[in-house]
Amino acid sequence: MASICEQVMEGKTSWPELVGEDGECAIMTIEKENTLVNAQTIIEGTAIPEIYRCDRVLVWINEHDIVVSSPMVG
């Protein structure tokens, strides 16, 4: 049986087309296109531990809730 990471990587793993979109809409799109990941918004400049997680997508947004970089698994 494939691990969760192998299963996640079989689906979509990056969403460059969401840059410039609303953060909450981006989360809904990501979780619809890859049901094995959990997406969450993070304000740009926020310090987070650099731990790779294959079931997570960080959606970096600005103060206006606009996606500022390409969301990807990690």
PDB file of N, CA and C in Angstrom:
ATOM      1  N   MET A   1       0.845  -1.180   0.000  1.00  0.00           N
ATOM      2  CA  MET A   1       0.000   0.000   0.000  1.00  0.00           C
ATOM      3  C   MET A   1       0.892   1.246   0.000  1.00  0.00           C
ATOM      4  N   ALA A   2       0.532   2.234  -0.776  1.00  0.00           N
ATOM      5  CA  ALA A   2       1.297   3.473  -0.888  1.00  0.00           C
ATOM      6  C   ALA A   2       1.145   4.312   0.379  1.00  0.00           C
ATOM      7  N   SER A   3       2.228   4.986   0.755  1.00  0.00           N
ATOM      8  CA  SER A   3       2.155   5.885   1.904  1.00  0.00           C
ATOM      9  C   SER A   3       1.327   7.107   1.537  1.00  0.00           C
ATOM     10  N   ILE A   4       0.931   7.878   2.555  1.00  0.00           N
ATOM     11  CA  ILE A   4       0.152   9.092   2.298  1.00  0.00           C
ATOM     12  C   ILE A   4       0.932  10.051   1.406  1.00  0.00           C
ATOM     13  N   CYS A   5       2.260  10.119   1.595  1.00  0.00           N
ATOM     14  CA  CYS A   5       3.069  11.022   0.760  1.00  0.00           C
ATOM     15  C   CYS A   5       3.042  10.575  -0.699  1.00  0.00           C
ATOM     16  N   GLU A   6       3.142   9.288  -0.935  1.00  0.00           N
ATOM     17  CA  GLU A   6       3.083   8.788  -2.315  1.00  0.00           C
ATOM     18  C   GLU A   6       1.708   9.064  -2.922  1.00  0.00           C
ATOM     19  N   GLN A   7       0.662   8.909  -2.137  1.00  0.00           N
ATOM     20  CA  GLN A   7      -0.692   9.169  -2.619  1.00  0.00           C
ATOM     21  C   GLN A   7      -0.876  10.645  -2.938  1.00  0.00           C
ATOM     22  N   VAL A   8      -0.392  11.528  -2.064  1.00  0.00           N
ATOM     23  CA  VAL A   8      -0.510  12.971  -2.290  1.00  0.00           C
ATOM     24  C   VAL A   8       0.195  13.353  -3.577  1.00  0.00           C
ATOM     25  N   MET A   9       1.389  12.833  -3.795  1.00  0.00           N
ATOM     26  CA  MET A   9       2.197  13.213  -4.953  1.00  0.00           C
ATOM     27  C   MET A   9       1.615  12.713  -6.274  1.00  0.00           C
ATOM     28  N   GLU A  10       0.679  11.768  -6.215  1.00  0.00           N
ATOM     29  CA  GLU A  10       0.008  11.315  -7.429  1.00  0.00           C
ATOM     30  C   GLU A  10      -1.010  12.341  -7.907  1.00  0.00           C
ATOM     31  N   GLY A  11      -1.433  13.227  -7.011  1.00  0.00           N
ATOM     32  CA  GLY A  11      -2.383  14.278  -7.364  1.00  0.00           C
ATOM     33  C   GLY A  11      -1.657  15.575  -7.676  1.00  0.00           C
ATOM     34  N   LYS A  12      -2.411  16.631  -7.768  1.00  0.00           N
ATOM     35  CA  LYS A  12      -1.841  17.952  -8.039  1.00  0.00           C
ATOM     36  C   LYS A  12      -1.064  18.418  -6.814  1.00  0.00           C
ATOM     37  N   THR A  13       0.121  19.015  -7.015  1.00  0.00           N
ATOM     38  CA  THR A  13       0.967  19.412  -5.893  1.00  0.00           C
ATOM     39  C   THR A  13       1.359  20.884  -5.894  1.00  0.00           C
ATOM     40  N   SER A  14       1.014  21.626  -6.926  1.00  0.00           N
ATOM     41  CA  SER A  14       1.275  23.073  -6.925  1.00  0.00           C
ATOM     42  C   SER A  14       0.185  23.794  -7.703  1.00  0.00           C
ATOM     43  N   TRP A  15      -0.030  25.048  -7.337  1.00  0.00           N
ATOM     44  CA  TRP A  15      -1.123  25.831  -7.899  1.00  0.00           C
ATOM     45  C   TRP A  15      -0.655  27.249  -8.250  1.00  0.00           C
ATOM     46  N   PRO A  16       0.225  27.404  -9.229  1.00  0.00           N
ATOM     47  CA  PRO A  16       0.705  28.745  -9.584  1.00  0.00           C
ATOM     48  C   PRO A  16      -0.398  29.654 -10.118  1.00  0.00           C
ATOM     49  N   GLU A  17      -1.443  29.067 -10.639  1.00  0.00           N
ATOM     50  CA  GLU A  17      -2.550  29.858 -11.191  1.00  0.00           C
ATOM     51  C   GLU A  17      -3.343  30.596 -10.120  1.00  0.00           C
ATOM     52  N   LEU A  18      -3.107  30.292  -8.843  1.00  0.00           N
ATOM     53  CA  LEU A  18      -3.851  30.937  -7.766  1.00  0.00           C
ATOM     54  C   LEU A  18      -3.202  32.227  -7.258  1.00  0.00           C
ATOM     55  N   VAL A  19      -2.003  32.544  -7.713  1.00  0.00           N
ATOM     56  CA  VAL A  19      -1.364  33.804  -7.314  1.00  0.00           C
ATOM     57  C   VAL A  19      -2.249  34.954  -7.787  1.00  0.00           C
ATOM     58  N   GLY A  20      -2.559  35.868  -6.873  1.00  0.00           N
ATOM     59  CA  GLY A  20      -3.426  36.999  -7.184  1.00  0.00           C
ATOM     60  C   GLY A  20      -4.893  36.757  -6.840  1.00  0.00           C
ATOM     61  N   GLU A  21      -5.224  35.526  -6.452  1.00  0.00           N
ATOM     62  CA  GLU A  21      -6.610  35.186  -6.106  1.00  0.00           C
ATOM     63  C   GLU A  21      -6.851  35.373  -4.609  1.00  0.00           C
ATOM     64  N   ASP A  22      -8.115  35.350  -4.205  1.00  0.00           N
ATOM     65  CA  ASP A  22      -8.514  35.428  -2.812  1.00  0.00           C
ATOM     66  C   ASP A  22      -8.030  34.181  -2.060  1.00  0.00           C
ATOM     67  N   GLY A  23      -7.497  34.370  -0.857  1.00  0.00           N
ATOM     68  CA  GLY A  23      -6.938  33.267  -0.081  1.00  0.00           C
ATOM     69  C   GLY A  23      -7.927  32.163   0.237  1.00  0.00           C
ATOM     70  N   GLU A  24      -9.136  32.512   0.655  1.00  0.00           N
ATOM     71  CA  GLU A  24     -10.124  31.493   1.003  1.00  0.00           C
ATOM     72  C   GLU A  24     -10.575  30.714  -0.231  1.00  0.00           C
ATOM     73  N   CYS A  25     -10.709  31.396  -1.350  1.00  0.00           N
ATOM     74  CA  CYS A  25     -11.052  30.706  -2.601  1.00  0.00           C
ATOM     75  C   CYS A  25      -9.923  29.756  -2.999  1.00  0.00           C
ATOM     76  N   ALA A  26      -8.689  30.177  -2.770  1.00  0.00           N
ATOM     77  CA  ALA A  26      -7.535  29.331  -3.082  1.00  0.00           C
ATOM     78  C   ALA A  26      -7.566  28.052  -2.254  1.00  0.00           C
ATOM     79  N   ILE A  27      -7.880  28.169  -0.978  1.00  0.00           N
ATOM     80  CA  ILE A  27      -7.965  26.986  -0.112  1.00  0.00           C
ATOM     81  C   ILE A  27      -9.019  26.015  -0.635  1.00  0.00           C
ATOM     82  N   MET A  28     -10.175  26.526  -0.986  1.00  0.00           N
ATOM     83  CA  MET A  28     -11.240  25.656  -1.493  1.00  0.00           C
ATOM     84  C   MET A  28     -10.813  24.961  -2.781  1.00  0.00           C
ATOM     85  N   THR A  29     -10.150  25.681  -3.670  1.00  0.00           N
ATOM     86  CA  THR A  29      -9.680  25.096  -4.930  1.00  0.00           C
ATOM     87  C   THR A  29      -8.659  24.005  -4.676  1.00  0.00           C
ATOM     88  N   ILE A  30      -7.686  24.286  -3.825  1.00  0.00           N
ATOM     89  CA  ILE A  30      -6.619  23.328  -3.532  1.00  0.00           C
ATOM     90  C   ILE A  30      -7.202  22.049  -2.936  1.00  0.00           C
ATOM     91  N   GLU A  31      -8.040  22.182  -1.936  1.00  0.00           N
ATOM     92  CA  GLU A  31      -8.595  20.997  -1.267  1.00  0.00           C
ATOM     93  C   GLU A  31      -9.562  20.228  -2.161  1.00  0.00           C
ATOM     94  N   LYS A  32     -10.141  20.899  -3.140  1.00  0.00           N
ATOM     95  CA  LYS A  32     -11.000  20.209  -4.112  1.00  0.00           C
ATOM     96  C   LYS A  32     -10.148  19.432  -5.117  1.00  0.00           C
ATOM     97  N   GLU A  33      -9.029  20.024  -5.533  1.00  0.00           N
ATOM     98  CA  GLU A  33      -8.189  19.404  -6.557  1.00  0.00           C
ATOM     99  C   GLU A  33      -7.258  18.328  -6.011  1.00  0.00           C
ATOM    100  N   ASN A  34      -6.990  18.350  -4.700  1.00  0.00           N
ATOM    101  CA  ASN A  34      -6.220  17.273  -4.067  1.00  0.00           C
ATOM    102  C   ASN A  34      -6.812  17.072  -2.674  1.00  0.00           C
ATOM    103  N   THR A  35      -7.687  16.088  -2.567  1.00  0.00           N
ATOM    104  CA  THR A  35      -8.427  15.860  -1.324  1.00  0.00           C
ATOM    105  C   THR A  35      -7.566  15.314  -0.192  1.00  0.00           C
ATOM    106  N   LEU A  36      -6.317  14.976  -0.460  1.00  0.00           N
ATOM    107  CA  LEU A  36      -5.441  14.427   0.576  1.00  0.00           C
ATOM    108  C   LEU A  36      -4.628  15.491   1.298  1.00  0.00           C
ATOM    109  N   VAL A  37      -4.785  16.766   0.916  1.00  0.00           N
ATOM    110  CA  VAL A  37      -4.034  17.832   1.577  1.00  0.00           C
ATOM    111  C   VAL A  37      -4.959  18.756   2.358  1.00  0.00           C
ATOM    112  N   ASN A  38      -4.377  19.417   3.336  1.00  0.00           N
ATOM    113  CA  ASN A  38      -5.062  20.459   4.094  1.00  0.00           C
ATOM    114  C   ASN A  38      -4.353  21.760   3.782  1.00  0.00           C
ATOM    115  N   ALA A  39      -5.095  22.731   3.312  1.00  0.00           N
ATOM    116  CA  ALA A  39      -4.514  24.026   2.978  1.00  0.00           C
ATOM    117  C   ALA A  39      -4.846  25.034   4.071  1.00  0.00           C
ATOM    118  N   GLN A  40      -3.925  25.953   4.304  1.00  0.00           N
ATOM    119  CA  GLN A  40      -4.172  27.004   5.277  1.00  0.00           C
ATOM    120  C   GLN A  40      -3.482  28.283   4.838  1.00  0.00           C
ATOM    121  N   THR A  41      -4.113  29.418   5.145  1.00  0.00           N
ATOM    122  CA  THR A  41      -3.510  30.696   4.789  1.00  0.00           C
ATOM    123  C   THR A  41      -2.520  31.125   5.862  1.00  0.00           C
ATOM    124  N   ILE A  42      -1.452  31.771   5.409  1.00  0.00           N
ATOM    125  CA  ILE A  42      -0.416  32.312   6.281  1.00  0.00           C
ATOM    126  C   ILE A  42      -0.096  33.715   5.757  1.00  0.00           C
ATOM    127  N   ILE A  43      -0.081  34.702   6.641  1.00  0.00           N
ATOM    128  CA  ILE A  43       0.273  36.067   6.243  1.00  0.00           C
ATOM    129  C   ILE A  43       1.753  36.109   5.884  1.00  0.00           C
ATOM    130  N   GLU A  44       2.070  36.718   4.719  1.00  0.00           N
ATOM    131  CA  GLU A  44       3.469  36.798   4.295  1.00  0.00           C
ATOM    132  C   GLU A  44       4.291  37.474   5.387  1.00  0.00           C
ATOM    133  N   GLY A  45       5.484  36.939   5.598  1.00  0.00           N
ATOM    134  CA  GLY A  45       6.376  37.452   6.630  1.00  0.00           C
ATOM    135  C   GLY A  45       6.276  36.709   7.947  1.00  0.00           C
ATOM    136  N   THR A  46       5.256  35.847   8.097  1.00  0.00           N
ATOM    137  CA  THR A  46       5.097  35.068   9.317  1.00  0.00           C
ATOM    138  C   THR A  46       6.187  34.001   9.389  1.00  0.00           C
ATOM    139  N   ALA A  47       6.822  33.890  10.530  1.00  0.00           N
ATOM    140  CA  ALA A  47       7.848  32.863  10.727  1.00  0.00           C
ATOM    141  C   ALA A  47       7.170  31.539  11.070  1.00  0.00           C
ATOM    142  N   ILE A  48       7.550  30.493  10.347  1.00  0.00           N
ATOM    143  CA  ILE A  48       7.016  29.153  10.625  1.00  0.00           C
ATOM    144  C   ILE A  48       8.185  28.170  10.617  1.00  0.00           C
ATOM    145  N   PRO A  49       8.060  27.061  11.338  1.00  0.00           N
ATOM    146  CA  PRO A  49       9.120  26.044  11.285  1.00  0.00           C
ATOM    147  C   PRO A  49       9.219  25.475   9.875  1.00  0.00           C
ATOM    148  N   GLU A  50      10.429  25.290   9.400  1.00  0.00           N
ATOM    149  CA  GLU A  50      10.629  24.745   8.057  1.00  0.00           C
ATOM    150  C   GLU A  50      10.633  23.226   8.111  1.00  0.00           C
ATOM    151  N   ILE A  51       9.443  22.685   8.286  1.00  0.00           N
ATOM    152  CA  ILE A  51       9.246  21.237   8.350  1.00  0.00           C
ATOM    153  C   ILE A  51       8.410  20.837   7.148  1.00  0.00           C
ATOM    154  N   TYR A  52       8.932  19.922   6.335  1.00  0.00           N
ATOM    155  CA  TYR A  52       8.195  19.461   5.160  1.00  0.00           C
ATOM    156  C   TYR A  52       7.096  18.509   5.593  1.00  0.00           C
ATOM    157  N   ARG A  53       5.879  18.793   5.155  1.00  0.00           N
ATOM    158  CA  ARG A  53       4.753  17.895   5.392  1.00  0.00           C
ATOM    159  C   ARG A  53       4.050  17.670   4.073  1.00  0.00           C
ATOM    160  N   CYS A  54       3.940  16.425   3.681  1.00  0.00           N
ATOM    161  CA  CYS A  54       3.366  16.104   2.377  1.00  0.00           C
ATOM    162  C   CYS A  54       1.851  16.240   2.342  1.00  0.00           C
ATOM    163  N   ASP A  55       1.216  16.477   3.478  1.00  0.00           N
ATOM    164  CA  ASP A  55      -0.238  16.620   3.506  1.00  0.00           C
ATOM    165  C   ASP A  55      -0.676  18.064   3.757  1.00  0.00           C
ATOM    166  N   ARG A  56       0.264  19.008   3.577  1.00  0.00           N
ATOM    167  CA  ARG A  56      -0.017  20.411   3.889  1.00  0.00           C
ATOM    168  C   ARG A  56       0.310  21.301   2.697  1.00  0.00           C
ATOM    169  N   VAL A  57      -0.525  22.319   2.513  1.00  0.00           N
ATOM    170  CA  VAL A  57      -0.255  23.368   1.536  1.00  0.00           C
ATOM    171  C   VAL A  57      -0.409  24.701   2.254  1.00  0.00           C
ATOM    172  N   LEU A  58       0.672  25.468   2.307  1.00  0.00           N
ATOM    173  CA  LEU A  58       0.609  26.804   2.892  1.00  0.00           C
ATOM    174  C   LEU A  58       0.283  27.791   1.787  1.00  0.00           C
ATOM    175  N   VAL A  59      -0.727  28.598   2.029  1.00  0.00           N
ATOM    176  CA  VAL A  59      -1.163  29.601   1.064  1.00  0.00           C
ATOM    177  C   VAL A  59      -0.750  30.960   1.631  1.00  0.00           C
ATOM    178  N   TRP A  60       0.323  31.524   1.090  1.00  0.00           N
ATOM    179  CA  TRP A  60       0.851  32.796   1.576  1.00  0.00           C
ATOM    180  C   TRP A  60       0.015  33.936   1.015  1.00  0.00           C
ATOM    181  N   ILE A  61      -0.523  34.759   1.928  1.00  0.00           N
ATOM    182  CA  ILE A  61      -1.390  35.867   1.534  1.00  0.00           C
ATOM    183  C   ILE A  61      -0.834  37.188   2.070  1.00  0.00           C
ATOM    184  N   ASN A  62      -1.292  38.295   1.463  1.00  0.00           N
ATOM    185  CA  ASN A  62      -0.932  39.615   1.983  1.00  0.00           C
ATOM    186  C   ASN A  62      -2.027  40.112   2.919  1.00  0.00           C
ATOM    187  N   GLU A  63      -1.931  41.365   3.345  1.00  0.00           N
ATOM    188  CA  GLU A  63      -2.897  41.918   4.294  1.00  0.00           C
ATOM    189  C   GLU A  63      -4.296  42.077   3.695  1.00  0.00           C
ATOM    190  N   HIS A  64      -4.422  41.916   2.400  1.00  0.00           N
ATOM    191  CA  HIS A  64      -5.721  42.005   1.725  1.00  0.00           C
ATOM    192  C   HIS A  64      -6.292  40.625   1.386  1.00  0.00           C
ATOM    193  N   ASP A  65      -5.672  39.552   1.938  1.00  0.00           N
ATOM    194  CA  ASP A  65      -6.099  38.160   1.721  1.00  0.00           C
ATOM    195  C   ASP A  65      -5.917  37.725   0.268  1.00  0.00           C
ATOM    196  N   ILE A  66      -4.889  38.265  -0.392  1.00  0.00           N
ATOM    197  CA  ILE A  66      -4.575  37.901  -1.774  1.00  0.00           C
ATOM    198  C   ILE A  66      -3.338  36.988  -1.774  1.00  0.00           C
ATOM    199  N   VAL A  67      -3.408  35.898  -2.514  1.00  0.00           N
ATOM    200  CA  VAL A  67      -2.301  34.936  -2.600  1.00  0.00           C
ATOM    201  C   VAL A  67      -1.102  35.614  -3.281  1.00  0.00           C
ATOM    202  N   VAL A  68       0.069  35.548  -2.610  1.00  0.00           N
ATOM    203  CA  VAL A  68       1.241  36.268  -3.107  1.00  0.00           C
ATOM    204  C   VAL A  68       2.343  35.364  -3.676  1.00  0.00           C
ATOM    205  N   SER A  69       2.240  34.061  -3.454  1.00  0.00           N
ATOM    206  CA  SER A  69       3.209  33.134  -4.042  1.00  0.00           C
ATOM    207  C   SER A  69       2.510  31.812  -4.356  1.00  0.00           C
ATOM    208  N   SER A  70       3.140  31.048  -5.221  1.00  0.00           N
ATOM    209  CA  SER A  70       2.537  29.814  -5.703  1.00  0.00           C
ATOM    210  C   SER A  70       2.383  28.786  -4.582  1.00  0.00           C
ATOM    211  N   PRO A  71       1.140  28.425  -4.221  1.00  0.00           N
ATOM    212  CA  PRO A  71       0.962  27.393  -3.204  1.00  0.00           C
ATOM    213  C   PRO A  71       1.468  26.036  -3.706  1.00  0.00           C
ATOM    214  N   MET A  72       2.118  25.297  -2.799  1.00  0.00           N
ATOM    215  CA  MET A  72       2.601  23.960  -3.154  1.00  0.00           C
ATOM    216  C   MET A  72       2.633  23.075  -1.917  1.00  0.00           C
ATOM    217  N   VAL A  73       2.589  21.782  -2.148  1.00  0.00           N
ATOM    218  CA  VAL A  73       2.661  20.807  -1.060  1.00  0.00           C
ATOM    219  C   VAL A  73       3.987  20.999  -0.338  1.00  0.00           C
ATOM    220  N   GLY A  74       3.937  20.925   0.980  1.00  0.00           N
ATOM    221  CA  GLY A  74       5.156  21.035   1.772  1.00  0.00           C
ATOM    222  C   GLY A  74       4.893  21.653   3.049  1.00  0.00           C
TER     223      GLY A  74
END
